[in-house]
């Protein structure tokens, strides 16, 4: 398991998860309950959504639609921030609030 140095940020009705993805690391395939934005703040990644892949170089804002399986592969150390509309603020329950089962 890769250490993504996850930071959790909360505000009224919004949750942001900041990850520092090491070079050549893969964020496992997953999917979410709602559409959400992801921000590539630094680095270069390939995002695979369902079976389509696209390369992004920071800065970039990516829209991931609900229920789409997506994976992130870093070509260099990259900072990735996912933003979700949710009132859940318990880190232990946040994945249950925003994610579907691991794909």
N, C-alpha and C. Protein backbone atom coordinates (compact mmCIF):
# COMPACT_ATOMS: atom_id res chain seq x y z
N UNK A 1 0.85 -1.19 0.00
CA UNK A 1 0.00 0.00 0.00
C UNK A 1 0.89 1.24 0.00
N UNK A 2 0.59 2.16 -0.89
CA UNK A 2 1.36 3.40 -1.03
C UNK A 2 0.88 4.43 -0.01
N UNK A 3 1.81 5.11 0.65
CA UNK A 3 1.46 6.19 1.57
C UNK A 3 1.17 7.44 0.75
N UNK A 4 -0.07 7.90 0.76
CA UNK A 4 -0.48 9.06 -0.03
C UNK A 4 -0.45 10.36 0.78
N UNK A 5 0.03 10.31 2.01
CA UNK A 5 0.13 11.51 2.85
C UNK A 5 -1.18 12.30 2.80
N UNK A 6 -2.27 11.63 3.14
CA UNK A 6 -3.61 12.23 3.02
C UNK A 6 -3.83 13.28 4.10
N UNK A 7 -4.36 14.43 3.66
CA UNK A 7 -4.81 15.49 4.57
C UNK A 7 -6.31 15.68 4.35
N UNK A 8 -7.06 15.83 5.43
CA UNK A 8 -8.51 16.02 5.37
C UNK A 8 -8.85 17.46 5.71
N UNK A 9 -9.73 18.05 4.92
CA UNK A 9 -10.15 19.44 5.14
C UNK A 9 -11.67 19.51 5.05
N UNK A 10 -12.28 20.22 6.02
CA UNK A 10 -13.73 20.33 6.08
C UNK A 10 -14.15 21.79 6.19
N UNK A 11 -15.27 22.12 5.57
CA UNK A 11 -15.95 23.40 5.75
C UNK A 11 -17.44 23.11 5.62
N UNK A 12 -18.26 24.10 5.73
CA UNK A 12 -19.71 23.88 5.69
C UNK A 12 -20.13 23.15 4.42
N UNK A 13 -20.53 21.89 4.56
CA UNK A 13 -21.05 21.11 3.45
C UNK A 13 -20.02 20.68 2.42
N UNK A 14 -18.74 20.79 2.73
CA UNK A 14 -17.70 20.45 1.76
C UNK A 14 -16.55 19.72 2.45
N UNK A 15 -16.06 18.71 1.75
CA UNK A 15 -14.91 17.93 2.20
C UNK A 15 -13.87 17.92 1.09
N UNK A 16 -12.62 18.16 1.45
CA UNK A 16 -11.52 18.07 0.49
C UNK A 16 -10.48 17.11 1.04
N UNK A 17 -10.02 16.23 0.17
CA UNK A 17 -8.97 15.25 0.52
C UNK A 17 -7.75 15.57 -0.34
N UNK A 18 -6.67 15.95 0.31
CA UNK A 18 -5.43 16.26 -0.39
C UNK A 18 -4.50 15.05 -0.28
N UNK A 19 -4.00 14.60 -1.43
CA UNK A 19 -3.08 13.47 -1.45
C UNK A 19 -1.80 13.88 -2.17
N UNK A 20 -0.68 13.46 -1.63
CA UNK A 20 0.59 13.60 -2.33
C UNK A 20 0.93 12.21 -2.86
N UNK A 21 0.84 12.06 -4.17
CA UNK A 21 1.02 10.75 -4.80
C UNK A 21 2.47 10.63 -5.25
N UNK A 22 3.21 9.65 -4.73
CA UNK A 22 4.61 9.49 -5.12
C UNK A 22 4.77 9.15 -6.61
N UNK A 23 5.90 9.47 -7.16
CA UNK A 23 6.22 9.12 -8.54
C UNK A 23 6.00 7.64 -8.77
N UNK A 24 5.36 7.30 -9.88
CA UNK A 24 5.06 5.92 -10.31
C UNK A 24 4.04 5.20 -9.44
N UNK A 25 3.40 5.91 -8.52
CA UNK A 25 2.40 5.27 -7.66
C UNK A 25 1.04 5.27 -8.34
N UNK A 26 0.19 4.37 -7.88
CA UNK A 26 -1.16 4.20 -8.41
C UNK A 26 -2.17 4.36 -7.28
N UNK A 27 -3.14 5.24 -7.47
CA UNK A 27 -4.28 5.32 -6.55
C UNK A 27 -5.28 4.29 -7.05
N UNK A 28 -5.61 3.30 -6.23
CA UNK A 28 -6.46 2.19 -6.69
C UNK A 28 -7.79 2.66 -7.26
N UNK A 29 -8.34 1.85 -8.14
CA UNK A 29 -9.63 2.12 -8.77
C UNK A 29 -10.70 2.22 -7.69
N UNK A 30 -11.53 3.26 -7.83
CA UNK A 30 -12.62 3.48 -6.88
C UNK A 30 -13.70 4.29 -7.60
N UNK A 31 -14.83 4.50 -6.93
CA UNK A 31 -15.91 5.30 -7.49
C UNK A 31 -16.67 5.97 -6.36
N UNK A 32 -17.38 7.05 -6.71
CA UNK A 32 -18.05 7.86 -5.71
C UNK A 32 -19.54 7.96 -5.96
N UNK A 33 -20.25 8.32 -4.91
CA UNK A 33 -21.71 8.43 -4.92
C UNK A 33 -22.18 9.63 -5.74
N UNK A 34 -21.40 10.71 -5.74
CA UNK A 34 -21.80 11.96 -6.40
C UNK A 34 -20.72 12.42 -7.37
N UNK A 35 -21.10 13.26 -8.34
CA UNK A 35 -20.11 13.95 -9.16
C UNK A 35 -19.21 14.75 -8.23
N UNK A 36 -17.95 14.89 -8.61
CA UNK A 36 -17.05 15.72 -7.81
C UNK A 36 -15.93 16.28 -8.67
N UNK A 37 -15.30 17.33 -8.15
CA UNK A 37 -14.13 17.90 -8.80
C UNK A 37 -12.88 17.35 -8.16
N UNK A 38 -11.86 17.18 -8.98
CA UNK A 38 -10.51 16.90 -8.50
C UNK A 38 -9.59 17.94 -9.10
N UNK A 39 -8.64 18.37 -8.31
CA UNK A 39 -7.67 19.36 -8.75
C UNK A 39 -6.29 18.73 -8.72
N UNK A 40 -5.61 18.78 -9.85
CA UNK A 40 -4.21 18.40 -9.90
C UNK A 40 -3.43 19.68 -9.66
N UNK A 41 -2.92 19.84 -8.44
CA UNK A 41 -2.25 21.08 -8.04
C UNK A 41 -0.80 21.11 -8.52
N UNK A 42 -0.17 19.95 -8.57
CA UNK A 42 1.19 19.87 -9.08
C UNK A 42 1.44 18.47 -9.61
N UNK A 43 2.35 18.36 -10.58
CA UNK A 43 2.73 17.06 -11.11
C UNK A 43 2.09 16.72 -12.44
N UNK A 44 2.22 15.44 -12.77
CA UNK A 44 1.71 14.90 -14.03
C UNK A 44 1.13 13.52 -13.73
N UNK A 45 -0.11 13.28 -14.16
CA UNK A 45 -0.80 12.02 -13.88
C UNK A 45 -1.53 11.53 -15.11
N UNK A 46 -1.88 10.26 -15.08
CA UNK A 46 -2.82 9.69 -16.04
C UNK A 46 -4.05 9.28 -15.25
N UNK A 47 -5.21 9.78 -15.67
CA UNK A 47 -6.47 9.42 -15.03
C UNK A 47 -7.21 8.50 -15.98
N UNK A 48 -7.57 7.33 -15.47
CA UNK A 48 -8.37 6.39 -16.24
C UNK A 48 -9.76 6.38 -15.64
N UNK A 49 -10.75 6.75 -16.46
CA UNK A 49 -12.15 6.76 -16.04
C UNK A 49 -12.85 5.72 -16.90
N UNK A 50 -13.42 4.73 -16.20
CA UNK A 50 -13.94 3.54 -16.87
C UNK A 50 -12.78 3.00 -17.73
N UNK A 51 -12.87 2.99 -19.04
CA UNK A 51 -11.76 2.45 -19.83
C UNK A 51 -11.04 3.50 -20.66
N UNK A 52 -11.27 4.78 -20.37
CA UNK A 52 -10.65 5.87 -21.11
C UNK A 52 -9.58 6.55 -20.25
N UNK A 53 -8.39 6.73 -20.82
CA UNK A 53 -7.29 7.35 -20.09
C UNK A 53 -6.94 8.70 -20.69
N UNK A 54 -6.56 9.64 -19.81
CA UNK A 54 -6.12 10.95 -20.25
C UNK A 54 -5.00 11.42 -19.33
N UNK A 55 -4.01 12.06 -19.92
CA UNK A 55 -2.89 12.61 -19.16
C UNK A 55 -3.18 14.07 -18.84
N UNK A 56 -2.88 14.44 -17.59
CA UNK A 56 -3.04 15.82 -17.13
C UNK A 56 -1.71 16.31 -16.56
N UNK A 57 -1.41 17.57 -16.84
CA UNK A 57 -0.25 18.24 -16.26
C UNK A 57 -0.79 19.42 -15.47
N UNK A 58 -0.33 19.57 -14.23
CA UNK A 58 -0.82 20.64 -13.36
C UNK A 58 -0.50 22.00 -13.93
N UNK A 59 -1.38 22.94 -13.67
CA UNK A 59 -2.63 22.84 -12.91
C UNK A 59 -3.78 22.35 -13.80
N UNK A 60 -4.67 21.57 -13.20
CA UNK A 60 -5.81 21.06 -13.95
C UNK A 60 -6.97 20.79 -12.98
N UNK A 61 -8.18 20.99 -13.49
CA UNK A 61 -9.40 20.64 -12.75
C UNK A 61 -10.11 19.58 -13.56
N UNK A 62 -10.43 18.47 -12.91
CA UNK A 62 -11.03 17.32 -13.58
C UNK A 62 -12.39 17.06 -12.93
N UNK A 63 -13.41 16.85 -13.73
CA UNK A 63 -14.73 16.47 -13.23
C UNK A 63 -14.86 14.96 -13.34
N UNK A 64 -15.16 14.33 -12.23
CA UNK A 64 -15.42 12.88 -12.20
C UNK A 64 -16.91 12.71 -11.91
N UNK A 65 -17.61 12.07 -12.80
CA UNK A 65 -19.04 11.85 -12.63
C UNK A 65 -19.29 10.72 -11.63
N UNK A 66 -20.45 10.76 -10.99
CA UNK A 66 -20.80 9.73 -10.02
C UNK A 66 -20.77 8.35 -10.67
N UNK A 67 -20.40 7.37 -9.87
CA UNK A 67 -20.41 5.96 -10.24
C UNK A 67 -19.38 5.59 -11.31
N UNK A 68 -18.50 6.51 -11.71
CA UNK A 68 -17.47 6.17 -12.69
C UNK A 68 -16.24 5.63 -11.96
N UNK A 69 -15.81 4.46 -12.40
CA UNK A 69 -14.58 3.88 -11.84
C UNK A 69 -13.41 4.70 -12.34
N UNK A 70 -12.55 5.12 -11.42
CA UNK A 70 -11.40 5.91 -11.83
C UNK A 70 -10.16 5.54 -11.03
N UNK A 71 -9.04 5.66 -11.72
CA UNK A 71 -7.73 5.33 -11.18
C UNK A 71 -6.79 6.48 -11.54
N UNK A 72 -5.82 6.74 -10.68
CA UNK A 72 -4.85 7.80 -10.93
C UNK A 72 -3.45 7.20 -10.85
N UNK A 73 -2.65 7.42 -11.88
CA UNK A 73 -1.25 6.98 -11.90
C UNK A 73 -0.37 8.23 -12.04
N UNK A 74 0.58 8.39 -11.11
CA UNK A 74 1.47 9.55 -11.11
C UNK A 74 2.74 9.25 -11.90
N UNK A 75 3.05 10.13 -12.84
CA UNK A 75 4.31 10.02 -13.59
C UNK A 75 5.44 10.70 -12.82
N UNK A 76 5.09 11.61 -11.92
CA UNK A 76 6.03 12.29 -11.04
C UNK A 76 5.27 12.59 -9.76
N UNK A 77 5.98 12.94 -8.69
CA UNK A 77 5.26 13.26 -7.46
C UNK A 77 4.20 14.32 -7.79
N UNK A 78 2.97 14.07 -7.35
CA UNK A 78 1.84 14.92 -7.72
C UNK A 78 0.96 15.19 -6.52
N UNK A 79 0.41 16.40 -6.48
CA UNK A 79 -0.55 16.76 -5.43
C UNK A 79 -1.94 16.78 -6.07
N UNK A 80 -2.83 15.95 -5.51
CA UNK A 80 -4.18 15.74 -6.03
C UNK A 80 -5.17 16.06 -4.92
N UNK A 81 -6.18 16.87 -5.23
CA UNK A 81 -7.18 17.25 -4.24
C UNK A 81 -8.57 16.91 -4.78
N UNK A 82 -9.30 16.07 -4.05
CA UNK A 82 -10.68 15.72 -4.40
C UNK A 82 -11.61 16.54 -3.51
N UNK A 83 -12.66 17.09 -4.10
CA UNK A 83 -13.62 17.91 -3.35
C UNK A 83 -15.00 17.31 -3.47
N UNK A 84 -15.63 17.07 -2.32
CA UNK A 84 -16.93 16.41 -2.27
C UNK A 84 -17.91 17.24 -1.46
N UNK A 85 -19.14 17.34 -1.94
CA UNK A 85 -20.22 17.98 -1.19
C UNK A 85 -20.77 16.95 -0.20
N UNK A 86 -20.53 17.17 1.08
CA UNK A 86 -21.03 16.28 2.13
C UNK A 86 -21.02 17.03 3.46
N UNK A 87 -21.93 16.63 4.33
CA UNK A 87 -21.93 17.19 5.68
C UNK A 87 -21.20 16.28 6.66
N UNK A 88 -20.75 15.12 6.20
CA UNK A 88 -20.01 14.20 7.06
C UNK A 88 -18.66 14.81 7.41
N UNK A 89 -18.31 14.81 8.70
CA UNK A 89 -17.03 15.36 9.14
C UNK A 89 -16.21 14.36 9.94
N UNK A 90 -16.69 13.14 10.06
CA UNK A 90 -15.97 12.09 10.78
C UNK A 90 -15.06 11.37 9.80
N UNK A 91 -13.75 11.48 10.00
CA UNK A 91 -12.78 10.87 9.10
C UNK A 91 -12.99 9.36 9.01
N UNK A 92 -13.42 8.75 10.10
CA UNK A 92 -13.66 7.31 10.11
C UNK A 92 -14.86 6.88 9.27
N UNK A 93 -15.77 7.83 8.97
CA UNK A 93 -16.97 7.50 8.20
C UNK A 93 -17.03 8.19 6.84
N UNK A 94 -16.03 9.01 6.53
CA UNK A 94 -16.12 9.81 5.32
C UNK A 94 -16.19 8.95 4.06
N UNK A 95 -15.42 7.88 3.99
CA UNK A 95 -15.46 7.02 2.79
C UNK A 95 -16.84 6.42 2.58
N UNK A 96 -17.51 6.04 3.65
CA UNK A 96 -18.86 5.49 3.51
C UNK A 96 -19.83 6.54 2.98
N UNK A 97 -19.60 7.80 3.30
CA UNK A 97 -20.49 8.88 2.86
C UNK A 97 -20.29 9.26 1.40
N UNK A 98 -19.05 9.13 0.88
CA UNK A 98 -18.78 9.63 -0.47
C UNK A 98 -18.46 8.55 -1.49
N UNK A 99 -18.15 7.33 -1.03
CA UNK A 99 -17.67 6.30 -1.96
C UNK A 99 -18.62 5.11 -2.04
N UNK A 100 -18.58 4.50 -3.22
CA UNK A 100 -19.20 3.19 -3.40
C UNK A 100 -18.12 2.16 -3.13
N UNK A 101 -18.47 0.90 -3.16
CA UNK A 101 -17.46 -0.13 -2.89
C UNK A 101 -16.28 0.03 -3.84
N UNK A 102 -15.12 -0.45 -3.41
CA UNK A 102 -13.94 -0.42 -4.27
C UNK A 102 -14.23 -1.21 -5.53
N UNK A 103 -13.89 -0.64 -6.66
CA UNK A 103 -14.20 -1.28 -7.95
C UNK A 103 -13.24 -2.40 -8.25
